């Protein structure tokens, strides 16, 4: 992306495209990002294949395992007969026991727990590097947003400190199941894995598989968002909407039900 380059005119052109997208559908793709998405898929698929039911429970967040005090970092379990989707969420690797926010007991700040590193030897090193890579990409995107808002491109730099950011990474699995739990139905009759919602974030940066399942609500109704095997899908969250007085609103979107492993 030109956002990583030294040409100010090219960065301005990208910012204009960001402005157009976020004032329109609310979504755009980030390309030429330098992140190995093949490795991402390989490591994440291996992780989900190898996780046992016991591991999932032991690492589950407090909502699923009352012995674990974590409310953000950990495993988000499927619930038989009710919910099929499951995921692993982890936070800033900079959060260690001596980090000021950890020492002070600040809400939502947690030191990451990890699966057994002998059974999942690639997982933690990959995840920590991926977090840093995604932070680098997100910071470049935020510079594009700053330019799109008519601000200096370093406008968001100060509050986006890598040592302190509360940004999280979620590695989501939608399984294929012969006996799939009941799913929701939208007002238009569409079967849904995840109902319509706004993201509670500054921005969301998503890598999708090539199974098309995301839809965005537009003035013309619900529209499919095309997939990309290489690029990251970006949208604003409610924090961006708040900061910009909804100049860049959080788009309403949903996940269609498709019984396919992804």
Protein backbone atom coordinates (compact mmCIF):
# COMPACT_ATOMS: atom_id res chain seq x y z
CA UNK A 1 0.00 0.00 0.00
CA UNK A 2 1.18 3.57 -0.68
CA UNK A 3 0.47 4.26 3.00
CA UNK A 4 3.80 2.55 3.74
CA UNK A 5 5.62 4.53 1.04
CA UNK A 6 7.34 7.91 0.92
CA UNK A 7 5.19 9.54 -1.78
CA UNK A 8 2.85 12.05 -0.07
CA UNK A 9 0.67 12.40 -3.17
CA UNK A 10 0.12 8.63 -3.29
CA UNK A 11 -0.81 8.59 0.40
CA UNK A 12 -3.27 11.41 -0.20
CA UNK A 13 -4.89 9.46 -3.05
CA UNK A 14 -5.31 6.43 -0.79
CA UNK A 15 -6.83 8.67 1.90
CA UNK A 16 -9.35 9.95 -0.63
CA UNK A 17 -10.31 6.35 -1.43
CA UNK A 18 -10.67 5.59 2.29
CA UNK A 19 -12.94 8.62 2.63
CA UNK A 20 -15.07 7.48 -0.31
CA UNK A 21 -15.37 3.91 0.99
CA UNK A 22 -16.16 4.84 4.59
CA UNK A 23 -18.75 7.40 3.51
CA UNK A 24 -20.26 4.76 1.22
CA UNK A 25 -20.52 1.06 2.04
CA UNK A 26 -18.26 1.41 5.08
CA UNK A 27 -15.84 -1.27 3.92
CA UNK A 28 -12.64 -1.35 1.87
CA UNK A 29 -9.75 -3.74 1.21
CA UNK A 30 -6.15 -3.17 2.30
CA UNK A 31 -3.78 -4.71 -0.24
CA UNK A 32 0.01 -5.00 -0.61
CA UNK A 33 0.27 -5.19 3.18
CA UNK A 34 3.29 -7.48 3.39
CA UNK A 35 1.62 -10.04 5.69
CA UNK A 36 1.92 -13.75 4.86
CA UNK A 37 -1.74 -14.78 4.77
CA UNK A 38 -0.87 -18.34 3.70
CA UNK A 39 1.13 -18.80 6.90
CA UNK A 40 -1.75 -17.26 8.85
CA UNK A 41 -4.20 -19.81 7.48
CA UNK A 42 -1.77 -22.70 7.96
CA UNK A 43 -1.03 -21.92 11.61
CA UNK A 44 -4.63 -21.11 12.55
CA UNK A 45 -6.05 -24.22 10.86
CA UNK A 46 -3.42 -26.38 12.57
CA UNK A 47 -4.27 -24.81 15.93
CA UNK A 48 -7.99 -25.48 15.59
CA UNK A 49 -7.36 -29.06 14.39
CA UNK A 50 -5.12 -29.88 17.34
CA UNK A 51 -7.13 -28.28 20.14
CA UNK A 52 -8.78 -30.89 22.37
CA UNK A 53 -12.01 -30.42 24.30
CA UNK A 54 -10.00 -30.41 27.54
CA UNK A 55 -7.64 -27.71 26.25
CA UNK A 56 -10.53 -25.57 25.09
CA UNK A 57 -12.16 -25.73 28.52
CA UNK A 58 -8.96 -25.12 30.46
CA UNK A 59 -8.22 -22.03 28.36
CA UNK A 60 -11.81 -20.79 28.13
CA UNK A 61 -12.64 -17.27 29.28
CA UNK A 62 -14.59 -16.75 32.48
CA UNK A 63 -17.96 -16.85 30.70
CA UNK A 64 -17.32 -20.55 29.96
CA UNK A 65 -14.88 -21.53 32.73
CA UNK A 66 -15.36 -19.88 36.12
CA UNK A 67 -11.88 -21.01 37.21
CA UNK A 68 -10.31 -18.66 34.67
CA UNK A 69 -10.50 -14.98 35.69
CA UNK A 70 -9.78 -13.76 32.14
CA UNK A 71 -12.70 -12.05 30.41
CA UNK A 72 -10.98 -11.27 27.08
CA UNK A 73 -7.93 -13.47 26.48
CA UNK A 74 -8.69 -17.15 26.06
CA UNK A 75 -10.95 -19.60 24.27
CA UNK A 76 -14.53 -18.73 23.33
CA UNK A 77 -16.23 -22.11 23.25
CA UNK A 78 -18.92 -23.58 21.08
CA UNK A 79 -22.03 -24.62 23.03
CA UNK A 80 -23.54 -27.90 21.87
CA UNK A 81 -27.02 -27.42 20.46
CA UNK A 82 -26.82 -23.63 20.77
CA UNK A 83 -23.68 -22.11 19.23
CA UNK A 84 -21.19 -23.58 16.77
CA UNK A 85 -18.72 -20.75 16.25
CA UNK A 86 -15.62 -20.78 18.45
CA UNK A 87 -12.53 -18.60 18.65
CA UNK A 88 -9.27 -17.77 20.36
CA UNK A 89 -8.66 -14.18 21.44
CA UNK A 90 -5.36 -12.74 22.59
CA UNK A 91 -4.20 -9.30 23.63
CA UNK A 92 -1.11 -7.13 23.41
CA UNK A 93 2.07 -9.20 23.97
CA UNK A 94 3.50 -6.13 25.73
CA UNK A 95 1.17 -6.82 28.66
CA UNK A 96 3.51 -8.58 31.10
CA UNK A 97 3.28 -8.83 34.89
CA UNK A 98 5.37 -5.67 35.29
CA UNK A 99 3.40 -3.57 32.79
CA UNK A 100 1.94 -0.52 34.62
CA UNK A 101 -1.63 -1.30 33.53
CA UNK A 102 -1.31 -4.90 34.70
CA UNK A 103 0.22 -3.89 38.03
CA UNK A 104 -2.61 -1.41 38.60
CA UNK A 105 -5.29 -3.99 37.80
CA UNK A 106 -6.77 -1.86 35.00
CA UNK A 107 -9.97 -3.43 33.61
CA UNK A 108 -9.69 -5.44 30.38
CA UNK A 109 -5.87 -5.56 30.56
CA UNK A 110 -4.67 -9.17 30.87
CA UNK A 111 -1.42 -11.10 30.50
CA UNK A 112 -2.01 -13.63 27.75
CA UNK A 113 -2.32 -17.30 28.60
CA UNK A 114 -1.34 -19.76 25.86
CA UNK A 115 -1.93 -23.38 24.86
CA UNK A 116 0.77 -25.89 25.77
CA UNK A 117 3.82 -24.78 23.81
CA UNK A 118 5.08 -28.32 23.25
CA UNK A 119 1.84 -29.38 21.56
CA UNK A 120 1.44 -26.07 19.73
CA UNK A 121 5.06 -25.04 19.25
CA UNK A 122 4.45 -22.67 16.31
CA UNK A 123 1.40 -21.00 17.75
CA UNK A 124 2.60 -18.46 20.32
CA UNK A 125 5.63 -17.21 18.32
CA UNK A 126 3.43 -16.80 15.26
CA UNK A 127 0.65 -15.02 17.20
CA UNK A 128 2.97 -12.54 18.86
CA UNK A 129 4.61 -11.64 15.54
CA UNK A 130 1.22 -11.47 13.82
CA UNK A 131 0.01 -9.04 16.48
CA UNK A 132 2.97 -6.76 15.77
CA UNK A 133 2.42 -7.06 12.01
CA UNK A 134 -1.26 -6.20 12.36
CA UNK A 135 -0.45 -3.26 14.63
CA UNK A 136 1.94 -1.96 11.96
CA UNK A 137 -0.77 -2.33 9.30
CA UNK A 138 -3.43 -0.75 11.51
CA UNK A 139 -1.21 2.21 12.37
CA UNK A 140 -0.60 2.83 8.65
CA UNK A 141 -4.35 2.64 8.05
CA UNK A 142 -4.98 5.12 10.86
CA UNK A 143 -2.59 7.53 9.16
CA UNK A 144 -4.74 7.17 6.07
CA UNK A 145 -7.85 7.89 8.14
CA UNK A 146 -6.17 10.99 9.59
CA UNK A 147 -5.44 12.32 6.10
CA UNK A 148 -8.99 11.47 5.04
CA UNK A 149 -10.24 13.64 7.92
CA UNK A 150 -8.04 16.54 6.85
CA UNK A 151 -5.68 16.08 9.80
CA UNK A 152 -1.89 15.63 9.90
CA UNK A 153 -1.11 12.00 9.15
CA UNK A 154 0.40 11.50 12.63
CA UNK A 155 -2.84 12.71 14.28
CA UNK A 156 -3.59 9.27 15.82
CA UNK A 157 0.03 8.26 16.52
CA UNK A 158 0.25 9.39 20.16
CA UNK A 159 -2.79 7.45 21.45
CA UNK A 160 -1.81 4.40 19.36
CA UNK A 161 1.20 3.26 21.36
CA UNK A 162 2.22 -0.35 20.69
CA UNK A 163 3.20 -0.77 24.35
CA UNK A 164 -0.26 0.16 25.62
CA UNK A 165 -2.87 -0.57 22.96
CA UNK A 166 -5.89 -2.63 24.02
CA UNK A 167 -6.28 -4.00 20.49
CA UNK A 168 -7.04 -7.72 20.30
CA UNK A 169 -6.70 -10.48 17.71
CA UNK A 170 -9.47 -13.07 17.34
CA UNK A 171 -8.90 -16.31 15.43
CA UNK A 172 -12.42 -17.46 14.58
CA UNK A 173 -13.58 -20.89 13.47
CA UNK A 174 -16.92 -21.62 11.83
CA UNK A 175 -17.11 -25.44 11.67
CA UNK A 176 -18.89 -27.74 9.28
CA UNK A 177 -21.41 -29.80 11.28
CA UNK A 178 -23.91 -32.39 10.06
CA UNK A 179 -26.12 -31.59 13.06
CA UNK A 180 -25.81 -27.81 13.10
CA UNK A 181 -27.42 -25.91 16.00
CA UNK A 182 -30.47 -23.77 15.22
CA UNK A 183 -29.50 -20.49 13.58
CA UNK A 184 -31.12 -17.07 13.59
CA UNK A 185 -33.23 -15.80 10.71
CA UNK A 186 -33.07 -12.17 9.62
CA UNK A 187 -36.23 -10.12 8.92
CA UNK A 188 -35.64 -10.74 5.21
CA UNK A 189 -35.55 -14.51 5.73
CA UNK A 190 -31.77 -14.92 5.46
CA UNK A 191 -30.29 -17.60 7.73
CA UNK A 192 -27.57 -16.07 9.91
CA UNK A 193 -24.55 -17.27 11.86
CA UNK A 194 -24.19 -13.81 13.41
CA UNK A 195 -26.96 -11.22 13.52
CA UNK A 196 -26.56 -7.63 12.34
CA UNK A 197 -24.28 -5.54 14.53
CA UNK A 198 -21.82 -2.66 14.74
CA UNK A 199 -18.22 -3.38 15.73
CA UNK A 200 -17.17 -1.91 19.07
CA UNK A 201 -13.71 -0.82 17.93
CA UNK A 202 -11.79 1.98 16.29
CA UNK A 203 -11.31 -0.09 13.15
CA UNK A 204 -11.66 -3.78 12.38
CA UNK A 205 -9.13 -5.45 10.08
CA UNK A 206 -10.35 -8.87 8.93
CA UNK A 207 -8.86 -11.64 6.84
CA UNK A 208 -11.58 -13.85 5.34
CA UNK A 209 -11.38 -17.24 3.71
CA UNK A 210 -12.85 -17.52 0.23
CA UNK A 211 -16.20 -18.69 1.62
CA UNK A 212 -18.39 -15.62 1.07
CA UNK A 213 -20.55 -14.93 4.13
CA UNK A 214 -20.40 -11.24 5.11
CA UNK A 215 -23.14 -8.76 4.23
CA UNK A 216 -23.39 -5.00 4.78
CA UNK A 217 -26.63 -3.04 5.10
CA UNK A 218 -26.98 -0.32 2.47
CA UNK A 219 -29.78 1.98 1.31
CA UNK A 220 -30.55 -0.74 -1.24
CA UNK A 221 -30.76 -3.50 1.36
CA UNK A 222 -28.26 -6.17 2.37
CA UNK A 223 -25.34 -6.57 -0.04
CA UNK A 224 -22.75 -9.35 -0.15
CA UNK A 225 -19.17 -8.29 0.53
CA UNK A 226 -16.81 -10.04 -1.90
CA UNK A 227 -14.01 -12.16 -0.48
CA UNK A 228 -10.31 -11.87 -1.20
CA UNK A 229 -7.67 -14.53 -0.74
CA UNK A 230 -4.94 -11.93 -0.27
CA UNK A 231 -6.33 -8.70 1.17
CA UNK A 232 -7.68 -7.54 4.52
CA UNK A 233 -11.20 -6.17 4.81
CA UNK A 234 -11.38 -2.95 6.85
CA UNK A 235 -14.30 -1.14 8.47
CA UNK A 236 -14.81 1.50 11.12
CA UNK A 237 -16.18 0.69 14.56
CA UNK A 238 -18.29 2.70 16.97
CA UNK A 239 -15.25 4.45 18.48
CA UNK A 240 -14.39 5.94 15.09
CA UNK A 241 -18.03 6.94 14.70
CA UNK A 242 -17.94 8.69 18.07
CA UNK A 243 -14.66 10.52 17.40
CA UNK A 244 -15.79 11.75 13.97
CA UNK A 245 -19.40 12.53 14.95
CA UNK A 246 -20.39 9.72 12.56
CA UNK A 247 -18.61 11.26 9.60
CA UNK A 248 -17.10 7.76 9.41
CA UNK A 249 -19.93 5.66 10.89
CA UNK A 250 -19.68 2.03 11.90
CA UNK A 251 -21.45 0.04 9.15
CA UNK A 252 -24.17 -2.40 10.12
CA UNK A 253 -23.19 -5.89 8.95
CA UNK A 254 -23.97 -9.56 9.54
CA UNK A 255 -22.71 -13.08 8.81
CA UNK A 256 -24.80 -15.37 6.63
CA UNK A 257 -25.18 -18.99 7.71
CA UNK A 258 -23.10 -21.27 5.52
CA UNK A 259 -22.35 -24.76 6.80
CA UNK A 260 -18.70 -24.87 5.72
CA UNK A 261 -15.43 -25.19 7.60
CA UNK A 262 -13.62 -21.88 7.73
